[in-house]
Amino acid sequence: MQPCGERLVTSFDGVRVLDLSDRLSGAYAARLFGDFGAEVTLGEPLIIGCFPPSAAGPPIVFPVGTTIVS
């Protein structure tokens, strides 16, 4: 890193990173980019209802006339 006036010039100075991760490793990588000077933008997933889409799983569809025995 070399000083340029009052501001330090870093490795990722001028780089923009869009973080769309939903796991810890992605958040860690985004933080490292930010620590080295990148401008990091966090994108949050759209959650509809009580559970995020990855936790709820695919919808269960039964054909018309199906009898469900419990």
C-alpha atoms as a PDB file:
ATOM      1  CA  MET A   1       0.000   0.000   0.000  1.00  0.00           C
ATOM      2  CA  GLN A   2       1.273   3.426  -0.916  1.00  0.00           C
ATOM      3  CA  PRO A   3       0.001   6.664   0.539  1.00  0.00           C
ATOM      4  CA  CYS A   4      -1.592   9.006  -1.991  1.00  0.00           C
ATOM      5  CA  GLY A   5      -2.158  12.292  -0.224  1.00  0.00           C
ATOM      6  CA  GLU A   6      -4.155  11.512   2.903  1.00  0.00           C
ATOM      7  CA  ARG A   7      -5.751   8.346   1.497  1.00  0.00           C
ATOM      8  CA  LEU A   8      -4.162   4.896   1.168  1.00  0.00           C
ATOM      9  CA  VAL A   9      -4.267   3.146  -2.196  1.00  0.00           C
ATOM     10  CA  THR A  10      -5.169  -0.522  -1.613  1.00  0.00           C
ATOM     11  CA  SER A  11      -5.193  -3.691  -3.731  1.00  0.00           C
ATOM     12  CA  PHE A  12      -8.895  -3.557  -4.618  1.00  0.00           C
ATOM     13  CA  ASP A  13      -9.299   0.211  -4.714  1.00  0.00           C
ATOM     14  CA  GLY A  14     -12.031   1.068  -7.251  1.00  0.00           C
ATOM     15  CA  VAL A  15     -13.453  -2.495  -7.399  1.00  0.00           C
ATOM     16  CA  ARG A  16     -17.157  -3.047  -6.680  1.00  0.00           C
ATOM     17  CA  VAL A  17     -18.350  -6.384  -5.252  1.00  0.00           C
ATOM     18  CA  LEU A  18     -22.005  -7.487  -5.127  1.00  0.00           C
ATOM     19  CA  ASP A  19     -22.460 -10.033  -2.327  1.00  0.00           C
ATOM     20  CA  LEU A  20     -25.450 -12.297  -3.028  1.00  0.00           C
ATOM     21  CA  SER A  21     -24.234 -15.167  -0.856  1.00  0.00           C
ATOM     22  CA  ASP A  22     -26.341 -16.856   1.790  1.00  0.00           C
ATOM     23  CA  ARG A  23     -23.558 -18.878   3.438  1.00  0.00           C
ATOM     24  CA  LEU A  24     -20.798 -17.928   5.858  1.00  0.00           C
ATOM     25  CA  SER A  25     -17.978 -18.459   3.361  1.00  0.00           C
ATOM     26  CA  GLY A  26     -19.472 -15.889   0.954  1.00  0.00           C
ATOM     27  CA  ALA A  27     -19.855 -13.319   3.706  1.00  0.00           C
ATOM     28  CA  TYR A  28     -16.268 -13.938   4.779  1.00  0.00           C
ATOM     29  CA  ALA A  29     -14.989 -13.441   1.220  1.00  0.00           C
ATOM     30  CA  ALA A  30     -16.987 -10.213   0.882  1.00  0.00           C
ATOM     31  CA  ARG A  31     -15.492  -8.962   4.126  1.00  0.00           C
ATOM     32  CA  LEU A  32     -11.979  -9.719   2.883  1.00  0.00           C
ATOM     33  CA  PHE A  33     -12.669  -7.787  -0.326  1.00  0.00           C
ATOM     34  CA  GLY A  34     -13.904  -4.881   1.784  1.00  0.00           C
ATOM     35  CA  ASP A  35     -10.853  -5.035   4.037  1.00  0.00           C
ATOM     36  CA  PHE A  36      -8.627  -4.725   0.975  1.00  0.00           C
ATOM     37  CA  GLY A  37     -10.436  -1.660  -0.325  1.00  0.00           C
ATOM     38  CA  ALA A  38     -13.321  -2.914  -2.491  1.00  0.00           C
ATOM     39  CA  GLU A  39     -16.759  -1.305  -2.277  1.00  0.00           C
ATOM     40  CA  VAL A  40     -19.030  -4.168  -1.124  1.00  0.00           C
ATOM     41  CA  THR A  41     -22.815  -4.088  -1.643  1.00  0.00           C
ATOM     42  CA  LEU A  42     -24.897  -6.664   0.236  1.00  0.00           C
ATOM     43  CA  GLY A  43     -27.927  -8.151  -1.527  1.00  0.00           C
ATOM     44  CA  GLU A  44     -30.544  -9.639   0.783  1.00  0.00           C
ATOM     45  CA  PRO A  45     -32.766 -12.507  -0.396  1.00  0.00           C
ATOM     46  CA  LEU A  46     -36.504 -11.881  -0.732  1.00  0.00           C
ATOM     47  CA  ILE A  47     -38.321 -13.859   1.976  1.00  0.00           C
ATOM     48  CA  ILE A  48     -42.059 -14.437   1.559  1.00  0.00           C
ATOM     49  CA  GLY A  49     -43.956 -16.071   4.414  1.00  0.00           C
ATOM     50  CA  CYS A  50     -42.403 -17.661   7.489  1.00  0.00           C
ATOM     51  CA  PHE A  51     -39.473 -19.541   5.958  1.00  0.00           C
ATOM     52  CA  PRO A  52     -36.863 -18.676   3.331  1.00  0.00           C
ATOM     53  CA  PRO A  53     -37.268 -20.617   0.048  1.00  0.00           C
ATOM     54  CA  SER A  54     -34.264 -22.881   0.734  1.00  0.00           C
ATOM     55  CA  ALA A  55     -35.693 -24.019   4.098  1.00  0.00           C
ATOM     56  CA  ALA A  56     -39.257 -24.613   2.939  1.00  0.00           C
ATOM     57  CA  GLY A  57     -38.413 -26.930   0.019  1.00  0.00           C
ATOM     58  CA  PRO A  58     -40.472 -27.430  -3.121  1.00  0.00           C
ATOM     59  CA  PRO A  59     -44.275 -27.288  -2.902  1.00  0.00           C
ATOM     60  CA  ILE A  60     -46.138 -30.595  -2.694  1.00  0.00           C
ATOM     61  CA  VAL A  61     -48.867 -30.896  -5.333  1.00  0.00           C
ATOM     62  CA  PHE A  62     -51.410 -33.710  -5.237  1.00  0.00           C
ATOM     63  CA  PRO A  63     -53.440 -34.659  -8.321  1.00  0.00           C
ATOM     64  CA  VAL A  64     -57.202 -34.053  -8.183  1.00  0.00           C
ATOM     65  CA  GLY A  65     -59.030 -36.917  -6.463  1.00  0.00           C
ATOM     66  CA  THR A  66     -56.051 -38.110  -4.380  1.00  0.00           C
ATOM     67  CA  THR A  67     -56.963 -39.504  -0.974  1.00  0.00           C
ATOM     68  CA  ILE A  68     -54.470 -38.687   1.757  1.00  0.00           C
ATOM     69  CA  VAL A  69     -54.424 -41.197   4.611  1.00  0.00           C
ATOM     70  CA  SER A  70     -52.662 -40.212   7.803  1.00  0.00           C
END
